[in-house]
Amino acid sequence: MAKLEILEIPHPILTQKAAEVEEVTPQIKQLLADMLETMYASHGVGLAGNQIGQLLRVVVVDCADEEGEPDPIKMVNPKIIWRSENKICHNEGCLSVPRQYADVVRHEEVEVEYLDENGVRQTRRTGGLLAIAFQHELDHLDGILFIDHLSKLKRNMLIKRLEKRRKRVAEEMLEGDE
C-alpha cells in the first residue's frame, strides 16, 4: 500500500466531476486500499478520488462502529438514492481544506447504492456522522467542497484563514532553514 498526496484548495481537480469506473479491477482495489491508508494517516473519516488527483468515482469512509473499532467502507460509483426530509447541522472539516471547519446543513439520513471492492452492488441506509460523511464525500465526486455550502462571506473568511496559515507555515520553514 502507498500513502497518496492529498490535494488542497485551490487545486482545479477538486472542482471537477469524477468519471464512472467501468470495472472494479485489481488497480481499482489497490487504489481503494491506498486511499484508506492515506485517509487513516491523515486522521480523516473519508476520502474521495478527486482529493488524490484521480477523477474516478471512488470513495472510502470510516466513521468507526459503536465500540470505536474501524469499520472501513470502500465504494465505487456511489450514488445517493434516497434522502430524508429532516436535516441536521454538523461542524465539518476536510482534508483538502486543512484545519478549517464550518457548520453545514445536510440530510439527517441517506441511502447510498454502490459497488464494493469486489464489484458487488451494495445498498446502505444510514444516519448521523456516517450519513454526513457519505454526503460530503459524494459531493467531492461532483466537484463540490463543503465550503461551497457556505455563504460567500463565510467561505471567503475561511479561505483567508487558510491562506494566512499557509503563509505562516512557509515563513516558519524559511526561518528554520537559516
N, C-alpha and C. Protein backbone atom coordinates (compact mmCIF):
# COMPACT_ATOMS: atom_id res chain seq x y z
N MET A 1 0.85 -1.18 0.00
CA MET A 1 0.00 0.00 0.00
C MET A 1 0.89 1.24 0.00
N ALA A 2 0.29 2.34 -0.41
CA ALA A 2 1.04 3.59 -0.50
C ALA A 2 0.21 4.75 0.01
N LYS A 3 0.89 5.66 0.70
CA LYS A 3 0.23 6.89 1.14
C LYS A 3 0.28 7.86 -0.04
N LEU A 4 -0.87 8.40 -0.39
CA LEU A 4 -1.01 9.28 -1.54
C LEU A 4 -1.02 10.74 -1.11
N GLU A 5 -0.71 11.63 -2.05
CA GLU A 5 -0.77 13.07 -1.77
C GLU A 5 -2.23 13.53 -1.81
N ILE A 6 -2.63 14.29 -0.82
CA ILE A 6 -3.98 14.85 -0.79
C ILE A 6 -3.91 16.27 -1.34
N LEU A 7 -4.70 16.53 -2.38
CA LEU A 7 -4.74 17.85 -2.99
C LEU A 7 -5.50 18.81 -2.09
N GLU A 8 -5.06 20.06 -2.08
CA GLU A 8 -5.72 21.09 -1.29
C GLU A 8 -6.22 22.20 -2.20
N ILE A 9 -7.23 22.94 -1.68
CA ILE A 9 -7.73 24.07 -2.46
C ILE A 9 -6.57 25.04 -2.65
N PRO A 10 -6.46 25.67 -3.78
CA PRO A 10 -7.41 25.79 -4.89
C PRO A 10 -7.14 24.85 -6.07
N HIS A 11 -6.61 23.65 -5.84
CA HIS A 11 -6.29 22.74 -6.95
C HIS A 11 -7.53 22.54 -7.83
N PRO A 12 -7.39 22.70 -9.15
CA PRO A 12 -8.55 22.63 -10.05
C PRO A 12 -9.26 21.27 -10.10
N ILE A 13 -8.56 20.19 -9.84
CA ILE A 13 -9.21 18.86 -9.88
C ILE A 13 -10.31 18.76 -8.84
N LEU A 14 -10.17 19.49 -7.74
CA LEU A 14 -11.16 19.43 -6.67
C LEU A 14 -12.52 19.98 -7.10
N THR A 15 -12.56 20.76 -8.17
CA THR A 15 -13.82 21.34 -8.64
C THR A 15 -14.35 20.65 -9.89
N GLN A 16 -13.74 19.54 -10.26
CA GLN A 16 -14.18 18.80 -11.45
C GLN A 16 -15.02 17.59 -11.07
N LYS A 17 -15.84 17.16 -12.01
CA LYS A 17 -16.70 15.99 -11.80
C LYS A 17 -15.92 14.72 -12.15
N ALA A 18 -15.99 13.74 -11.28
CA ALA A 18 -15.29 12.47 -11.49
C ALA A 18 -16.08 11.55 -12.43
N ALA A 19 -15.36 10.71 -13.14
CA ALA A 19 -15.96 9.79 -14.11
C ALA A 19 -16.32 8.46 -13.46
N GLU A 20 -17.36 7.83 -14.00
CA GLU A 20 -17.75 6.49 -13.54
C GLU A 20 -16.60 5.51 -13.77
N VAL A 21 -16.47 4.54 -12.89
CA VAL A 21 -15.50 3.47 -13.04
C VAL A 21 -16.18 2.38 -13.87
N GLU A 22 -15.53 1.98 -14.96
CA GLU A 22 -16.11 0.98 -15.86
C GLU A 22 -16.16 -0.41 -15.23
N GLU A 23 -15.09 -0.77 -14.49
CA GLU A 23 -15.00 -2.11 -13.93
C GLU A 23 -14.11 -2.06 -12.68
N VAL A 24 -14.46 -2.84 -11.69
CA VAL A 24 -13.64 -2.91 -10.47
C VAL A 24 -12.50 -3.89 -10.76
N THR A 25 -11.35 -3.33 -11.10
CA THR A 25 -10.15 -4.09 -11.47
C THR A 25 -9.23 -4.20 -10.26
N PRO A 26 -8.18 -5.01 -10.38
CA PRO A 26 -7.19 -5.05 -9.29
C PRO A 26 -6.57 -3.67 -9.02
N GLN A 27 -6.45 -2.85 -10.08
CA GLN A 27 -5.90 -1.50 -9.89
C GLN A 27 -6.85 -0.63 -9.06
N ILE A 28 -8.15 -0.76 -9.29
CA ILE A 28 -9.13 -0.01 -8.50
C ILE A 28 -9.12 -0.49 -7.06
N LYS A 29 -9.02 -1.82 -6.86
CA LYS A 29 -8.95 -2.35 -5.50
C LYS A 29 -7.73 -1.80 -4.77
N GLN A 30 -6.59 -1.72 -5.47
CA GLN A 30 -5.37 -1.19 -4.86
C GLN A 30 -5.53 0.30 -4.57
N LEU A 31 -6.15 1.03 -5.49
CA LEU A 31 -6.40 2.46 -5.28
C LEU A 31 -7.23 2.67 -4.01
N LEU A 32 -8.28 1.87 -3.83
CA LEU A 32 -9.13 1.98 -2.64
C LEU A 32 -8.32 1.69 -1.37
N ALA A 33 -7.46 0.68 -1.41
CA ALA A 33 -6.63 0.34 -0.25
C ALA A 33 -5.67 1.49 0.05
N ASP A 34 -5.06 2.06 -0.98
CA ASP A 34 -4.14 3.19 -0.80
C ASP A 34 -4.88 4.41 -0.26
N MET A 35 -6.09 4.63 -0.75
CA MET A 35 -6.89 5.76 -0.26
C MET A 35 -7.21 5.59 1.22
N LEU A 36 -7.56 4.38 1.62
CA LEU A 36 -7.87 4.11 3.02
C LEU A 36 -6.63 4.37 3.90
N GLU A 37 -5.48 3.88 3.46
CA GLU A 37 -4.24 4.11 4.21
C GLU A 37 -3.95 5.61 4.33
N THR A 38 -4.14 6.34 3.23
CA THR A 38 -3.91 7.78 3.21
C THR A 38 -4.86 8.49 4.16
N MET A 39 -6.13 8.10 4.12
CA MET A 39 -7.15 8.70 4.99
C MET A 39 -6.80 8.48 6.47
N TYR A 40 -6.43 7.24 6.83
CA TYR A 40 -6.08 6.95 8.21
C TYR A 40 -4.84 7.75 8.64
N ALA A 41 -3.83 7.82 7.78
CA ALA A 41 -2.60 8.54 8.10
C ALA A 41 -2.86 10.03 8.30
N SER A 42 -3.91 10.54 7.65
CA SER A 42 -4.24 11.96 7.74
C SER A 42 -5.32 12.24 8.78
N HIS A 43 -5.75 11.20 9.49
CA HIS A 43 -6.76 11.31 10.56
C HIS A 43 -8.10 11.83 10.03
N GLY A 44 -8.48 11.38 8.82
CA GLY A 44 -9.76 11.74 8.25
C GLY A 44 -10.78 10.64 8.44
N VAL A 45 -12.03 10.93 8.08
CA VAL A 45 -13.08 9.91 8.13
C VAL A 45 -13.58 9.57 6.73
N GLY A 46 -13.07 10.28 5.71
CA GLY A 46 -13.47 10.00 4.35
C GLY A 46 -12.48 10.59 3.37
N LEU A 47 -12.45 10.01 2.16
CA LEU A 47 -11.57 10.49 1.11
C LEU A 47 -12.17 10.09 -0.23
N ALA A 48 -12.20 11.04 -1.16
CA ALA A 48 -12.76 10.80 -2.49
C ALA A 48 -11.65 10.86 -3.54
N GLY A 49 -11.90 10.24 -4.68
CA GLY A 49 -10.91 10.17 -5.75
C GLY A 49 -10.33 11.52 -6.13
N ASN A 50 -11.18 12.54 -6.25
CA ASN A 50 -10.71 13.87 -6.63
C ASN A 50 -9.61 14.36 -5.69
N GLN A 51 -9.74 14.05 -4.43
CA GLN A 51 -8.81 14.56 -3.43
C GLN A 51 -7.40 14.03 -3.58
N ILE A 52 -7.25 12.92 -4.29
CA ILE A 52 -5.91 12.37 -4.52
C ILE A 52 -5.56 12.43 -6.00
N GLY A 53 -6.25 13.32 -6.72
CA GLY A 53 -5.92 13.56 -8.12
C GLY A 53 -6.46 12.54 -9.11
N GLN A 54 -7.39 11.70 -8.66
CA GLN A 54 -7.99 10.69 -9.53
C GLN A 54 -9.44 11.08 -9.80
N LEU A 55 -9.73 11.44 -11.03
CA LEU A 55 -11.11 11.82 -11.38
C LEU A 55 -11.93 10.57 -11.67
N LEU A 56 -12.02 9.73 -10.64
CA LEU A 56 -12.79 8.49 -10.68
C LEU A 56 -13.77 8.50 -9.52
N ARG A 57 -14.94 7.90 -9.72
CA ARG A 57 -15.97 7.90 -8.68
C ARG A 57 -15.67 6.77 -7.68
N VAL A 58 -14.69 7.04 -6.83
CA VAL A 58 -14.28 6.11 -5.77
C VAL A 58 -14.21 6.89 -4.46
N VAL A 59 -14.65 6.24 -3.38
CA VAL A 59 -14.70 6.87 -2.07
C VAL A 59 -14.38 5.83 -1.01
N VAL A 60 -13.68 6.27 0.04
CA VAL A 60 -13.52 5.45 1.24
C VAL A 60 -14.00 6.26 2.43
N VAL A 61 -14.63 5.58 3.38
CA VAL A 61 -15.16 6.22 4.58
C VAL A 61 -14.97 5.27 5.75
N ASP A 62 -14.64 5.83 6.91
CA ASP A 62 -14.61 5.03 8.13
C ASP A 62 -14.95 5.93 9.31
N CYS A 63 -16.15 5.77 9.82
CA CYS A 63 -16.60 6.52 11.00
C CYS A 63 -16.56 5.66 12.24
N ALA A 64 -15.97 4.48 12.16
CA ALA A 64 -15.86 3.52 13.26
C ALA A 64 -17.24 3.02 13.71
N ASP A 65 -17.28 1.87 14.33
CA ASP A 65 -18.55 1.31 14.80
C ASP A 65 -18.83 1.80 16.22
N GLU A 66 -19.88 1.28 16.82
CA GLU A 66 -20.29 1.73 18.16
C GLU A 66 -19.22 1.52 19.22
N GLU A 67 -18.38 0.50 19.04
CA GLU A 67 -17.32 0.21 20.00
C GLU A 67 -16.04 0.98 19.68
N GLY A 68 -16.07 1.80 18.63
CA GLY A 68 -14.88 2.55 18.24
C GLY A 68 -13.90 1.78 17.37
N GLU A 69 -14.32 0.59 16.95
CA GLU A 69 -13.47 -0.23 16.09
C GLU A 69 -13.57 0.26 14.64
N PRO A 70 -12.48 0.16 13.88
CA PRO A 70 -12.54 0.57 12.47
C PRO A 70 -13.64 -0.17 11.71
N ASP A 71 -14.30 0.56 10.82
CA ASP A 71 -15.39 0.00 10.00
C ASP A 71 -15.27 0.59 8.59
N PRO A 72 -14.18 0.23 7.87
CA PRO A 72 -13.94 0.84 6.57
C PRO A 72 -14.98 0.45 5.52
N ILE A 73 -15.38 1.45 4.74
CA ILE A 73 -16.32 1.23 3.64
C ILE A 73 -15.64 1.73 2.37
N LYS A 74 -15.52 0.85 1.38
CA LYS A 74 -14.92 1.20 0.09
C LYS A 74 -16.03 1.20 -0.94
N MET A 75 -16.19 2.33 -1.63
CA MET A 75 -17.30 2.48 -2.57
C MET A 75 -16.82 2.87 -3.96
N VAL A 76 -17.39 2.21 -4.95
CA VAL A 76 -17.13 2.52 -6.35
C VAL A 76 -18.46 2.95 -6.96
N ASN A 77 -18.45 4.06 -7.67
CA ASN A 77 -19.66 4.62 -8.32
C ASN A 77 -20.82 4.81 -7.34
N PRO A 78 -20.55 5.37 -6.17
CA PRO A 78 -21.64 5.56 -5.20
C PRO A 78 -22.62 6.64 -5.66
N LYS A 79 -23.88 6.43 -5.30
CA LYS A 79 -24.88 7.47 -5.56
C LYS A 79 -25.93 7.41 -4.46
N ILE A 80 -26.42 8.58 -4.11
CA ILE A 80 -27.47 8.67 -3.11
C ILE A 80 -28.79 8.40 -3.81
N ILE A 81 -29.52 7.39 -3.31
CA ILE A 81 -30.79 7.04 -3.93
C ILE A 81 -31.99 7.46 -3.10
N TRP A 82 -31.73 7.93 -1.87
CA TRP A 82 -32.80 8.42 -1.00
C TRP A 82 -32.20 9.36 0.02
N ARG A 83 -32.96 10.42 0.34
CA ARG A 83 -32.57 11.39 1.36
C ARG A 83 -33.77 11.64 2.27
N SER A 84 -33.53 11.73 3.56
CA SER A 84 -34.60 12.05 4.48
C SER A 84 -34.99 13.51 4.29
N GLU A 85 -36.20 13.84 4.69
CA GLU A 85 -36.62 15.25 4.65
C GLU A 85 -35.95 16.03 5.79
N ASN A 86 -35.73 15.36 6.92
CA ASN A 86 -35.09 16.01 8.06
C ASN A 86 -33.66 16.35 7.74
N LYS A 87 -33.23 17.50 8.23
CA LYS A 87 -31.85 17.93 8.03
C LYS A 87 -31.21 18.21 9.38
N ILE A 88 -29.88 18.13 9.40
CA ILE A 88 -29.12 18.42 10.61
C ILE A 88 -27.93 19.31 10.24
N CYS A 89 -27.45 20.02 11.24
CA CYS A 89 -26.30 20.89 11.07
C CYS A 89 -25.12 20.22 11.77
N HIS A 90 -23.99 20.14 11.08
CA HIS A 90 -22.82 19.49 11.66
C HIS A 90 -21.58 20.29 11.31
N ASN A 91 -20.67 20.39 12.25
CA ASN A 91 -19.41 21.09 12.02
C ASN A 91 -18.48 20.18 11.22
N GLU A 92 -18.20 20.58 9.98
CA GLU A 92 -17.41 19.76 9.07
C GLU A 92 -16.04 20.35 8.81
N GLY A 93 -15.12 19.47 8.50
CA GLY A 93 -13.80 19.83 8.03
C GLY A 93 -13.50 18.99 6.81
N CYS A 94 -12.33 19.19 6.22
CA CYS A 94 -11.99 18.46 5.00
C CYS A 94 -10.47 18.39 4.87
N LEU A 95 -9.97 17.24 4.47
CA LEU A 95 -8.53 17.08 4.28
C LEU A 95 -8.00 17.98 3.17
N SER A 96 -8.86 18.40 2.25
CA SER A 96 -8.45 19.30 1.16
C SER A 96 -8.57 20.77 1.54
N VAL A 97 -9.13 21.04 2.71
CA VAL A 97 -9.24 22.39 3.26
C VAL A 97 -8.74 22.28 4.70
N PRO A 98 -7.42 22.04 4.87
CA PRO A 98 -6.89 21.65 6.18
C PRO A 98 -7.12 22.65 7.29
N ARG A 99 -7.49 22.06 8.43
CA ARG A 99 -7.67 22.78 9.70
C ARG A 99 -8.70 23.90 9.64
N GLN A 100 -9.66 23.78 8.75
CA GLN A 100 -10.74 24.76 8.64
C GLN A 100 -12.05 24.01 8.85
N TYR A 101 -12.94 24.60 9.61
CA TYR A 101 -14.20 23.94 9.96
C TYR A 101 -15.35 24.92 9.87
N ALA A 102 -16.53 24.39 9.52
CA ALA A 102 -17.72 25.24 9.45
C ALA A 102 -18.96 24.36 9.57
N ASP A 103 -20.04 24.96 10.03
CA ASP A 103 -21.31 24.25 10.13
C ASP A 103 -21.95 24.13 8.75
N VAL A 104 -22.36 22.90 8.42
CA VAL A 104 -23.00 22.61 7.14
C VAL A 104 -24.30 21.87 7.42
N VAL A 105 -25.36 22.24 6.72
CA VAL A 105 -26.65 21.57 6.86
C VAL A 105 -26.73 20.46 5.81
N ARG A 106 -27.06 19.26 6.25
CA ARG A 106 -27.18 18.11 5.36
C ARG A 106 -28.41 17.29 5.77
N HIS A 107 -28.77 16.33 4.93
CA HIS A 107 -29.87 15.42 5.24
C HIS A 107 -29.45 14.53 6.41
N GLU A 108 -30.41 14.31 7.31
CA GLU A 108 -30.13 13.52 8.51
C GLU A 108 -29.83 12.05 8.17
N GLU A 109 -30.53 11.53 7.18
CA GLU A 109 -30.34 10.14 6.76
C GLU A 109 -30.25 10.08 5.24
N VAL A 110 -29.47 9.11 4.75
CA VAL A 110 -29.38 8.86 3.31
C VAL A 110 -29.29 7.36 3.05
N GLU A 111 -29.63 7.00 1.83
CA GLU A 111 -29.42 5.63 1.36
C GLU A 111 -28.52 5.72 0.14
N VAL A 112 -27.43 4.96 0.19
CA VAL A 112 -26.42 5.02 -0.87
C VAL A 112 -26.32 3.65 -1.53
N GLU A 113 -26.23 3.68 -2.85
CA GLU A 113 -26.02 2.47 -3.64
C GLU A 113 -24.62 2.57 -4.25
N TYR A 114 -23.87 1.47 -4.22
CA TYR A 114 -22.50 1.48 -4.73
C TYR A 114 -22.03 0.06 -5.02
N LEU A 115 -20.89 -0.03 -5.68
CA LEU A 115 -20.21 -1.32 -5.84
C LEU A 115 -19.14 -1.39 -4.76
N ASP A 116 -19.02 -2.55 -4.13
CA ASP A 116 -17.95 -2.70 -3.14
C ASP A 116 -16.65 -3.03 -3.86
N GLU A 117 -15.59 -3.27 -3.09
CA GLU A 117 -14.28 -3.50 -3.70
C GLU A 117 -14.22 -4.79 -4.52
N ASN A 118 -15.23 -5.63 -4.41
CA ASN A 118 -15.30 -6.86 -5.21
C ASN A 118 -16.27 -6.73 -6.38
N GLY A 119 -16.80 -5.53 -6.58
CA GLY A 119 -17.71 -5.30 -7.70
C GLY A 119 -19.14 -5.73 -7.41
N VAL A 120 -19.45 -6.00 -6.14
CA VAL A 120 -20.80 -6.45 -5.75
C VAL A 120 -21.62 -5.22 -5.38
N ARG A 121 -22.83 -5.12 -5.94
CA ARG A 121 -23.71 -3.99 -5.66
C ARG A 121 -24.19 -4.05 -4.21
N GLN A 122 -24.07 -2.93 -3.52
CA GLN A 122 -24.47 -2.80 -2.13
C GLN A 122 -25.41 -1.61 -1.98
N THR A 123 -26.27 -1.68 -0.98
CA THR A 123 -27.12 -0.55 -0.61
C THR A 123 -26.99 -0.38 0.89
N ARG A 124 -26.80 0.86 1.31
CA ARG A 124 -26.63 1.12 2.74
C ARG A 124 -27.41 2.37 3.12
N ARG A 125 -28.31 2.20 4.09
CA ARG A 125 -29.09 3.31 4.62
C ARG A 125 -28.55 3.65 5.99
N THR A 126 -28.28 4.93 6.22
CA THR A 126 -27.64 5.30 7.47
C THR A 126 -27.98 6.73 7.86
N GLY A 127 -27.66 7.06 9.09
CA GLY A 127 -27.85 8.41 9.61
C GLY A 127 -26.63 8.86 10.36
N GLY A 128 -26.73 10.02 11.00
CA GLY A 128 -25.65 10.53 11.84
C GLY A 128 -24.40 10.88 11.06
N LEU A 129 -23.25 10.67 11.73
CA LEU A 129 -21.97 11.04 11.15
C LEU A 129 -21.70 10.31 9.84
N LEU A 130 -22.10 9.05 9.74
CA LEU A 130 -21.86 8.29 8.51
C LEU A 130 -22.64 8.89 7.34
N ALA A 131 -23.88 9.29 7.58
CA ALA A 131 -24.68 9.93 6.52
C ALA A 131 -24.04 11.25 6.09
N ILE A 132 -23.53 12.00 7.06
CA ILE A 132 -22.85 13.26 6.74
C ILE A 132 -21.60 12.99 5.92
N ALA A 133 -20.82 11.99 6.33
CA ALA A 133 -19.59 11.64 5.61
C ALA A 133 -19.91 11.21 4.17
N PHE A 134 -20.94 10.39 4.01
CA PHE A 134 -21.33 9.96 2.65
C PHE A 134 -21.66 11.18 1.78
N GLN A 135 -22.47 12.09 2.31
CA GLN A 135 -22.87 13.26 1.53
C GLN A 135 -21.65 14.13 1.21
N HIS A 136 -20.78 14.32 2.18
CA HIS A 136 -19.57 15.13 2.00
C HIS A 136 -18.69 14.53 0.90
N GLU A 137 -18.43 13.23 0.98
CA GLU A 137 -17.54 12.58 0.01
C GLU A 137 -18.16 12.50 -1.38
N LEU A 138 -19.46 12.23 -1.46
CA LEU A 138 -20.10 12.18 -2.77
C LEU A 138 -20.16 13.56 -3.41
N ASP A 139 -20.25 14.61 -2.59
CA ASP A 139 -20.13 15.97 -3.13
C ASP A 139 -18.80 16.13 -3.85
N HIS A 140 -17.71 15.63 -3.24
CA HIS A 140 -16.39 15.74 -3.87
C HIS A 140 -16.41 15.18 -5.29
N LEU A 141 -17.09 14.06 -5.48
CA LEU A 141 -17.13 13.43 -6.80
C LEU A 141 -17.81 14.30 -7.85
N ASP A 142 -18.59 15.26 -7.40
CA ASP A 142 -19.24 16.21 -8.31
C ASP A 142 -18.54 17.57 -8.30
N GLY A 143 -17.34 17.62 -7.71
CA GLY A 143 -16.56 18.85 -7.70
C GLY A 143 -17.05 19.88 -6.70
N ILE A 144 -17.75 19.42 -5.66
CA ILE A 144 -18.31 20.32 -4.65
C ILE A 144 -17.56 20.11 -3.33
N LEU A 145 -17.09 21.20 -2.74
CA LEU A 145 -16.43 21.16 -1.45
C LEU A 145 -17.40 21.61 -0.36
N PHE A 146 -17.14 21.24 0.87
CA PHE A 146 -18.05 21.64 1.95
C PHE A 146 -18.16 23.16 2.05
N ILE A 147 -17.11 23.87 1.69
CA ILE A 147 -17.16 25.34 1.75
C ILE A 147 -18.10 25.92 0.71
N ASP A 148 -18.45 25.14 -0.31
CA ASP A 148 -19.41 25.60 -1.32
C ASP A 148 -20.82 25.68 -0.75
N HIS A 149 -21.05 25.06 0.41
CA HIS A 149 -22.36 25.10 1.07
C HIS A 149 -22.49 26.33 1.99
N LEU A 150 -21.41 27.09 2.10
CA LEU A 150 -21.40 28.26 3.00
C LEU A 150 -21.76 29.53 2.23
N SER A 151 -22.11 30.56 2.99
CA SER A 151 -22.33 31.86 2.36
C SER A 151 -21.00 32.34 1.79
N LYS A 152 -21.07 33.24 0.83
CA LYS A 152 -19.85 33.76 0.21
C LYS A 152 -18.94 34.39 1.26
N LEU A 153 -19.52 35.12 2.20
CA LEU A 153 -18.75 35.77 3.25
C LEU A 153 -18.00 34.74 4.11
N LYS A 154 -18.72 33.70 4.58
CA LYS A 154 -18.08 32.68 5.41
C LYS A 154 -17.01 31.92 4.63
N ARG A 155 -17.31 31.59 3.38
CA ARG A 155 -16.35 30.87 2.54
C ARG A 155 -15.07 31.71 2.38
N ASN A 156 -15.22 33.00 2.06
CA ASN A 156 -14.05 33.86 1.87
C ASN A 156 -13.24 34.01 3.15
N MET A 157 -13.92 34.12 4.29
CA MET A 157 -13.21 34.22 5.58
C MET A 157 -12.40 32.95 5.85
N LEU A 158 -13.00 31.81 5.58
CA LEU A 158 -12.33 30.53 5.81
C LEU A 158 -11.11 30.40 4.89
N ILE A 159 -11.25 30.77 3.63
CA ILE A 159 -10.14 30.69 2.68
C ILE A 159 -9.02 31.64 3.09
N LYS A 160 -9.37 32.84 3.55
CA LYS A 160 -8.34 33.79 4.01
C LYS A 160 -7.59 33.25 5.22
N ARG A 161 -8.31 32.59 6.14
CA ARG A 161 -7.66 31.97 7.31
C ARG A 161 -6.68 30.90 6.86
N LEU A 162 -7.09 30.09 5.88
CA LEU A 162 -6.23 29.03 5.36
C LEU A 162 -4.99 29.63 4.70
N GLU A 163 -5.16 30.66 3.89
CA GLU A 163 -4.02 31.29 3.23
C GLU A 163 -3.07 31.91 4.25
N LYS A 164 -3.60 32.52 5.29
CA LYS A 164 -2.79 33.12 6.35
C LYS A 164 -1.98 32.03 7.06
N ARG A 165 -2.63 30.90 7.33
CA ARG A 165 -1.95 29.78 7.99
C ARG A 165 -0.83 29.24 7.10
N ARG A 166 -1.11 29.08 5.79
CA ARG A 166 -0.09 28.58 4.86
C ARG A 166 1.12 29.53 4.83
N LYS A 167 0.85 30.82 4.81
CA LYS A 167 1.92 31.82 4.78
C LYS A 167 2.76 31.73 6.04
N ARG A 168 2.11 31.58 7.20
CA ARG A 168 2.82 31.48 8.47
C ARG A 168 3.70 30.23 8.50
N VAL A 169 3.18 29.11 8.03
CA VAL A 169 3.93 27.86 8.00
C VAL A 169 5.14 28.00 7.07
N ALA A 170 4.94 28.62 5.90
CA ALA A 170 6.04 28.83 4.95
C ALA A 170 7.13 29.70 5.57
N GLU A 171 6.73 30.77 6.27
CA GLU A 171 7.69 31.66 6.92
C GLU A 171 8.47 30.91 8.00
N GLU A 172 7.79 30.08 8.77
CA GLU A 172 8.45 29.31 9.82
C GLU A 172 9.45 28.33 9.22
N MET A 173 9.12 27.76 8.07
CA MET A 173 10.03 26.84 7.41
C MET A 173 11.28 27.58 6.92
N LEU A 174 11.09 28.78 6.39
CA LEU A 174 12.22 29.59 5.92
C LEU A 174 13.13 29.97 7.09
N GLU A 175 12.53 30.35 8.21
CA GLU A 175 13.31 30.71 9.40
C GLU A 175 14.11 29.51 9.90
N GLY A 176 13.54 28.34 9.78
CA GLY A 176 14.23 27.12 10.22
C GLY A 176 15.42 26.78 9.34
N ASP A 177 15.41 27.22 8.09
CA ASP A 177 16.50 26.95 7.16
C ASP A 177 17.69 27.88 7.37
N GLU A 178 17.50 28.97 8.10
CA GLU A 178 18.58 29.96 8.28
C GLU A 178 19.61 29.52 9.28
